[in-house]
Amino acid sequence: MTAGRHTPDARSRRGPARHERPAIDEAALIAARAGDRMVREARTREAARWLAYLEPLPDSLRDADLGDLRKVALRARAAYGPKDSVRDVLPPDVTEPFLDAIDRLLRELARREVAGG
Protein backbone atom coordinates (compact mmCIF):
# COMPACT_ATOMS: atom_id res chain seq x y z
CA MET A 1 0.00 0.00 0.00
CA THR A 2 1.30 3.44 -0.95
CA ALA A 3 1.79 5.91 1.90
CA GLY A 4 -1.22 8.18 2.30
CA ARG A 5 -3.42 6.06 0.08
CA HIS A 6 -6.03 3.70 1.44
CA THR A 7 -6.67 0.58 -0.57
CA PRO A 8 -9.75 -1.37 0.52
CA ASP A 9 -9.16 -5.02 1.25
CA ALA A 10 -11.33 -7.95 2.23
CA ARG A 11 -11.21 -6.94 5.91
CA SER A 12 -12.55 -3.41 5.36
CA ARG A 13 -15.13 -4.27 2.67
CA ARG A 14 -18.79 -4.49 3.62
CA GLY A 15 -20.35 -7.51 1.95
CA PRO A 16 -19.21 -9.37 -1.14
CA ALA A 17 -16.70 -8.03 -3.63
CA ARG A 18 -18.07 -6.45 -6.79
CA HIS A 19 -16.66 -9.20 -8.99
CA GLU A 20 -18.88 -11.60 -7.07
CA ARG A 21 -21.89 -9.72 -8.47
CA PRO A 22 -21.04 -9.55 -12.19
CA ALA A 23 -24.34 -7.96 -13.27
CA ILE A 24 -23.79 -5.07 -10.87
CA ASP A 25 -20.13 -4.73 -11.75
CA GLU A 26 -20.90 -4.68 -15.47
CA ALA A 27 -23.70 -2.12 -15.02
CA ALA A 28 -21.38 0.12 -12.98
CA LEU A 29 -18.63 -0.11 -15.61
CA ILE A 30 -21.07 0.73 -18.42
CA ALA A 31 -22.26 3.72 -16.40
CA ALA A 32 -18.65 4.78 -15.83
CA ARG A 33 -17.95 4.76 -19.56
CA ALA A 34 -21.09 6.81 -20.21
CA GLY A 35 -19.96 9.14 -17.42
CA ASP A 36 -16.61 9.56 -19.14
CA ARG A 37 -18.47 10.81 -22.22
CA MET A 38 -20.44 13.25 -20.04
CA VAL A 39 -17.22 14.61 -18.54
CA ARG A 40 -15.63 15.04 -21.98
CA GLU A 41 -18.69 16.88 -23.25
CA ALA A 42 -18.86 19.14 -20.18
CA ARG A 43 -15.18 19.95 -20.68
CA THR A 44 -15.71 20.66 -24.40
CA ARG A 45 -18.63 22.97 -23.64
CA GLU A 46 -16.72 24.63 -20.80
CA ALA A 47 -19.57 23.82 -18.42
CA ALA A 48 -17.41 24.25 -15.32
CA ARG A 49 -20.17 23.68 -12.78
CA TRP A 50 -21.29 20.42 -14.35
CA LEU A 51 -17.73 19.35 -14.97
CA ALA A 52 -16.98 19.73 -11.25
CA TYR A 53 -20.12 17.72 -10.40
CA LEU A 54 -19.61 14.97 -12.96
CA GLU A 55 -15.84 14.54 -12.95
CA PRO A 56 -15.55 12.28 -9.86
CA LEU A 57 -18.46 10.04 -10.85
CA PRO A 58 -16.86 7.75 -13.48
CA ASP A 59 -13.95 6.76 -11.21
CA SER A 60 -16.33 6.28 -8.30
CA LEU A 61 -18.54 4.08 -10.46
CA ARG A 62 -15.48 2.03 -11.40
CA ASP A 63 -14.01 1.76 -7.90
CA ALA A 64 -16.78 1.93 -5.27
CA ASP A 65 -17.53 -1.22 -3.34
CA LEU A 66 -21.05 -2.62 -3.36
CA GLY A 67 -21.88 -0.84 -0.12
CA ASP A 68 -21.09 2.59 -1.58
CA LEU A 69 -22.24 2.08 -5.15
CA ARG A 70 -25.87 3.06 -4.48
CA LYS A 71 -24.74 6.43 -3.06
CA VAL A 72 -22.62 7.08 -6.14
CA ALA A 73 -25.46 6.09 -8.48
CA LEU A 74 -27.95 8.31 -6.65
CA ARG A 75 -25.52 11.23 -6.85
CA ALA A 76 -25.25 10.63 -10.60
CA ARG A 77 -29.04 10.39 -10.90
CA ALA A 78 -29.42 13.71 -9.05
CA ALA A 79 -27.84 15.49 -12.04
CA TYR A 80 -31.24 15.07 -13.71
CA GLY A 81 -33.20 17.24 -11.29
CA PRO A 82 -36.58 18.73 -12.20
CA LYS A 83 -35.42 22.34 -11.89
CA ASP A 84 -31.69 22.04 -12.46
CA SER A 85 -30.68 19.36 -14.90
CA VAL A 86 -27.57 18.42 -16.79
CA ARG A 87 -29.96 18.05 -19.72
CA ASP A 88 -30.16 21.85 -19.87
CA VAL A 89 -26.45 22.08 -20.72
CA LEU A 90 -25.35 18.85 -22.40
CA PRO A 91 -26.89 17.19 -25.48
CA PRO A 92 -29.20 14.18 -25.29
CA ASP A 93 -26.75 11.92 -27.12
CA VAL A 94 -24.57 11.96 -23.98
CA THR A 95 -27.09 12.64 -21.20
CA GLU A 96 -29.57 9.91 -22.06
CA PRO A 97 -27.11 6.99 -22.27
CA PHE A 98 -25.69 8.00 -18.87
CA LEU A 99 -29.18 8.21 -17.36
CA ASP A 100 -30.11 4.83 -18.84
CA ALA A 101 -26.90 3.25 -17.50
CA ILE A 102 -27.42 4.72 -14.01
CA ASP A 103 -31.03 3.52 -13.93
CA ARG A 104 -29.91 0.04 -15.00
CA LEU A 105 -27.32 0.03 -12.22
CA LEU A 106 -29.93 1.10 -9.66
CA ARG A 107 -32.23 -1.71 -10.82
CA GLU A 108 -29.41 -4.26 -10.44
CA LEU A 109 -28.66 -2.96 -6.95
CA ALA A 110 -32.36 -3.21 -6.04
CA ARG A 111 -32.44 -6.83 -7.25
CA ARG A 112 -29.47 -7.58 -5.01
CA GLU A 113 -31.24 -6.02 -2.02
CA VAL A 114 -34.45 -7.94 -2.68
CA ALA A 115 -32.49 -11.16 -3.00
CA GLY A 116 -30.85 -10.43 0.34
CA GLY A 117 -27.27 -10.27 -0.77
C-alpha atoms as a PDB file:
ATOM      1  CA  MET A   1       0.000   0.000   0.000  1.00  0.00           C
ATOM      2  CA  THR A   2       1.298   3.440  -0.946  1.00  0.00           C
ATOM      3  CA  ALA A   3       1.788   5.905   1.904  1.00  0.00           C
ATOM      4  CA  GLY A   4      -1.221   8.180   2.298  1.00  0.00           C
ATOM      5  CA  ARG A   5      -3.417   6.056   0.079  1.00  0.00           C
ATOM      6  CA  HIS A   6      -6.027   3.700   1.440  1.00  0.00           C
ATOM      7  CA  THR A   7      -6.673   0.584  -0.566  1.00  0.00           C
ATOM      8  CA  PRO A   8      -9.748  -1.367   0.523  1.00  0.00           C
ATOM      9  CA  ASP A   9      -9.159  -5.017   1.246  1.00  0.00           C
ATOM     10  CA  ALA A  10     -11.328  -7.947   2.233  1.00  0.00           C
ATOM     11  CA  ARG A  11     -11.207  -6.942   5.911  1.00  0.00           C
ATOM     12  CA  SER A  12     -12.555  -3.410   5.359  1.00  0.00           C
ATOM     13  CA  ARG A  13     -15.129  -4.270   2.675  1.00  0.00           C
ATOM     14  CA  ARG A  14     -18.787  -4.489   3.623  1.00  0.00           C
ATOM     15  CA  GLY A  15     -20.350  -7.507   1.951  1.00  0.00           C
ATOM     16  CA  PRO A  16     -19.213  -9.374  -1.143  1.00  0.00           C
ATOM     17  CA  ALA A  17     -16.702  -8.030  -3.634  1.00  0.00           C
ATOM     18  CA  ARG A  18     -18.065  -6.453  -6.793  1.00  0.00           C
ATOM     19  CA  HIS A  19     -16.664  -9.200  -8.993  1.00  0.00           C
ATOM     20  CA  GLU A  20     -18.882 -11.602  -7.071  1.00  0.00           C
ATOM     21  CA  ARG A  21     -21.893  -9.723  -8.470  1.00  0.00           C
ATOM     22  CA  PRO A  22     -21.040  -9.548 -12.191  1.00  0.00           C
ATOM     23  CA  ALA A  23     -24.340  -7.960 -13.271  1.00  0.00           C
ATOM     24  CA  ILE A  24     -23.792  -5.066 -10.869  1.00  0.00           C
ATOM     25  CA  ASP A  25     -20.129  -4.728 -11.749  1.00  0.00           C
ATOM     26  CA  GLU A  26     -20.902  -4.678 -15.471  1.00  0.00           C
ATOM     27  CA  ALA A  27     -23.703  -2.121 -15.016  1.00  0.00           C
ATOM     28  CA  ALA A  28     -21.379   0.120 -12.983  1.00  0.00           C
ATOM     29  CA  LEU A  29     -18.634  -0.113 -15.610  1.00  0.00           C
ATOM     30  CA  ILE A  30     -21.068   0.728 -18.422  1.00  0.00           C
ATOM     31  CA  ALA A  31     -22.265   3.722 -16.402  1.00  0.00           C
ATOM     32  CA  ALA A  32     -18.653   4.783 -15.825  1.00  0.00           C
ATOM     33  CA  ARG A  33     -17.947   4.757 -19.561  1.00  0.00           C
ATOM     34  CA  ALA A  34     -21.093   6.808 -20.215  1.00  0.00           C
ATOM     35  CA  GLY A  35     -19.964   9.136 -17.423  1.00  0.00           C
ATOM     36  CA  ASP A  36     -16.612   9.559 -19.137  1.00  0.00           C
ATOM     37  CA  ARG A  37     -18.472  10.808 -22.217  1.00  0.00           C
ATOM     38  CA  MET A  38     -20.441  13.252 -20.040  1.00  0.00           C
ATOM     39  CA  VAL A  39     -17.219  14.609 -18.544  1.00  0.00           C
ATOM     40  CA  ARG A  40     -15.629  15.039 -21.976  1.00  0.00           C
ATOM     41  CA  GLU A  41     -18.692  16.878 -23.254  1.00  0.00           C
ATOM     42  CA  ALA A  42     -18.860  19.138 -20.181  1.00  0.00           C
ATOM     43  CA  ARG A  43     -15.176  19.948 -20.676  1.00  0.00           C
ATOM     44  CA  THR A  44     -15.712  20.665 -24.398  1.00  0.00           C
ATOM     45  CA  ARG A  45     -18.631  22.973 -23.643  1.00  0.00           C
ATOM     46  CA  GLU A  46     -16.720  24.626 -20.799  1.00  0.00           C
ATOM     47  CA  ALA A  47     -19.575  23.817 -18.423  1.00  0.00           C
ATOM     48  CA  ALA A  48     -17.408  24.248 -15.318  1.00  0.00           C
ATOM     49  CA  ARG A  49     -20.175  23.678 -12.783  1.00  0.00           C
ATOM     50  CA  TRP A  50     -21.295  20.417 -14.354  1.00  0.00           C
ATOM     51  CA  LEU A  51     -17.731  19.347 -14.968  1.00  0.00           C
ATOM     52  CA  ALA A  52     -16.984  19.726 -11.250  1.00  0.00           C
ATOM     53  CA  TYR A  53     -20.120  17.724 -10.402  1.00  0.00           C
ATOM     54  CA  LEU A  54     -19.610  14.969 -12.959  1.00  0.00           C
ATOM     55  CA  GLU A  55     -15.838  14.536 -12.947  1.00  0.00           C
ATOM     56  CA  PRO A  56     -15.548  12.279  -9.856  1.00  0.00           C
ATOM     57  CA  LEU A  57     -18.457  10.040 -10.850  1.00  0.00           C
ATOM     58  CA  PRO A  58     -16.865   7.746 -13.477  1.00  0.00           C
ATOM     59  CA  ASP A  59     -13.953   6.758 -11.210  1.00  0.00           C
ATOM     60  CA  SER A  60     -16.328   6.282  -8.299  1.00  0.00           C
ATOM     61  CA  LEU A  61     -18.542   4.078 -10.457  1.00  0.00           C
ATOM     62  CA  ARG A  62     -15.483   2.026 -11.397  1.00  0.00           C
ATOM     63  CA  ASP A  63     -14.011   1.760  -7.899  1.00  0.00           C
ATOM     64  CA  ALA A  64     -16.782   1.927  -5.273  1.00  0.00           C
ATOM     65  CA  ASP A  65     -17.527  -1.223  -3.339  1.00  0.00           C
ATOM     66  CA  LEU A  66     -21.049  -2.619  -3.361  1.00  0.00           C
ATOM     67  CA  GLY A  67     -21.881  -0.842  -0.115  1.00  0.00           C
ATOM     68  CA  ASP A  68     -21.088   2.588  -1.585  1.00  0.00           C
ATOM     69  CA  LEU A  69     -22.236   2.079  -5.154  1.00  0.00           C
ATOM     70  CA  ARG A  70     -25.866   3.064  -4.478  1.00  0.00           C
ATOM     71  CA  LYS A  71     -24.740   6.434  -3.065  1.00  0.00           C
ATOM     72  CA  VAL A  72     -22.617   7.079  -6.142  1.00  0.00           C
ATOM     73  CA  ALA A  73     -25.458   6.094  -8.485  1.00  0.00           C
ATOM     74  CA  LEU A  74     -27.945   8.310  -6.647  1.00  0.00           C
ATOM     75  CA  ARG A  75     -25.524  11.229  -6.849  1.00  0.00           C
ATOM     76  CA  ALA A  76     -25.246  10.633 -10.596  1.00  0.00           C
ATOM     77  CA  ARG A  77     -29.038  10.393 -10.895  1.00  0.00           C
ATOM     78  CA  ALA A  78     -29.415  13.706  -9.047  1.00  0.00           C
ATOM     79  CA  ALA A  79     -27.839  15.489 -12.035  1.00  0.00           C
ATOM     80  CA  TYR A  80     -31.237  15.068 -13.710  1.00  0.00           C
ATOM     81  CA  GLY A  81     -33.203  17.239 -11.287  1.00  0.00           C
ATOM     82  CA  PRO A  82     -36.576  18.725 -12.199  1.00  0.00           C
ATOM     83  CA  LYS A  83     -35.424  22.342 -11.893  1.00  0.00           C
ATOM     84  CA  ASP A  84     -31.691  22.039 -12.462  1.00  0.00           C
ATOM     85  CA  SER A  85     -30.675  19.355 -14.898  1.00  0.00           C
ATOM     86  CA  VAL A  86     -27.566  18.420 -16.794  1.00  0.00           C
ATOM     87  CA  ARG A  87     -29.962  18.045 -19.723  1.00  0.00           C
ATOM     88  CA  ASP A  88     -30.158  21.848 -19.866  1.00  0.00           C
ATOM     89  CA  VAL A  89     -26.448  22.080 -20.720  1.00  0.00           C
ATOM     90  CA  LEU A  90     -25.351  18.847 -22.400  1.00  0.00           C
ATOM     91  CA  PRO A  91     -26.890  17.193 -25.475  1.00  0.00           C
ATOM     92  CA  PRO A  92     -29.201  14.180 -25.292  1.00  0.00           C
ATOM     93  CA  ASP A  93     -26.754  11.915 -27.119  1.00  0.00           C
ATOM     94  CA  VAL A  94     -24.570  11.963 -23.978  1.00  0.00           C
ATOM     95  CA  THR A  95     -27.089  12.645 -21.196  1.00  0.00           C
ATOM     96  CA  GLU A  96     -29.574   9.908 -22.059  1.00  0.00           C
ATOM     97  CA  PRO A  97     -27.113   6.988 -22.271  1.00  0.00           C
ATOM     98  CA  PHE A  98     -25.692   8.000 -18.873  1.00  0.00           C
ATOM     99  CA  LEU A  99     -29.177   8.210 -17.363  1.00  0.00           C
ATOM    100  CA  ASP A 100     -30.115   4.825 -18.842  1.00  0.00           C
ATOM    101  CA  ALA A 101     -26.905   3.254 -17.496  1.00  0.00           C
ATOM    102  CA  ILE A 102     -27.420   4.716 -14.015  1.00  0.00           C
ATOM    103  CA  ASP A 103     -31.026   3.524 -13.930  1.00  0.00           C
ATOM    104  CA  ARG A 104     -29.905   0.039 -14.997  1.00  0.00           C
ATOM    105  CA  LEU A 105     -27.319   0.031 -12.219  1.00  0.00           C
ATOM    106  CA  LEU A 106     -29.928   1.098  -9.656  1.00  0.00           C
ATOM    107  CA  ARG A 107     -32.226  -1.714 -10.818  1.00  0.00           C
ATOM    108  CA  GLU A 108     -29.410  -4.262 -10.440  1.00  0.00           C
ATOM    109  CA  LEU A 109     -28.661  -2.957  -6.953  1.00  0.00           C
ATOM    110  CA  ALA A 110     -32.359  -3.207  -6.042  1.00  0.00           C
ATOM    111  CA  ARG A 111     -32.436  -6.826  -7.255  1.00  0.00           C
ATOM    112  CA  ARG A 112     -29.468  -7.576  -5.010  1.00  0.00           C
ATOM    113  CA  GLU A 113     -31.235  -6.021  -2.020  1.00  0.00           C
ATOM    114  CA  VAL A 114     -34.453  -7.938  -2.678  1.00  0.00           C
ATOM    115  CA  ALA A 115     -32.488 -11.158  -2.995  1.00  0.00           C
ATOM    116  CA  GLY A 116     -30.848 -10.430   0.336  1.00  0.00           C
ATOM    117  CA  GLY A 117     -27.270 -10.271  -0.768  1.00  0.00           C
END
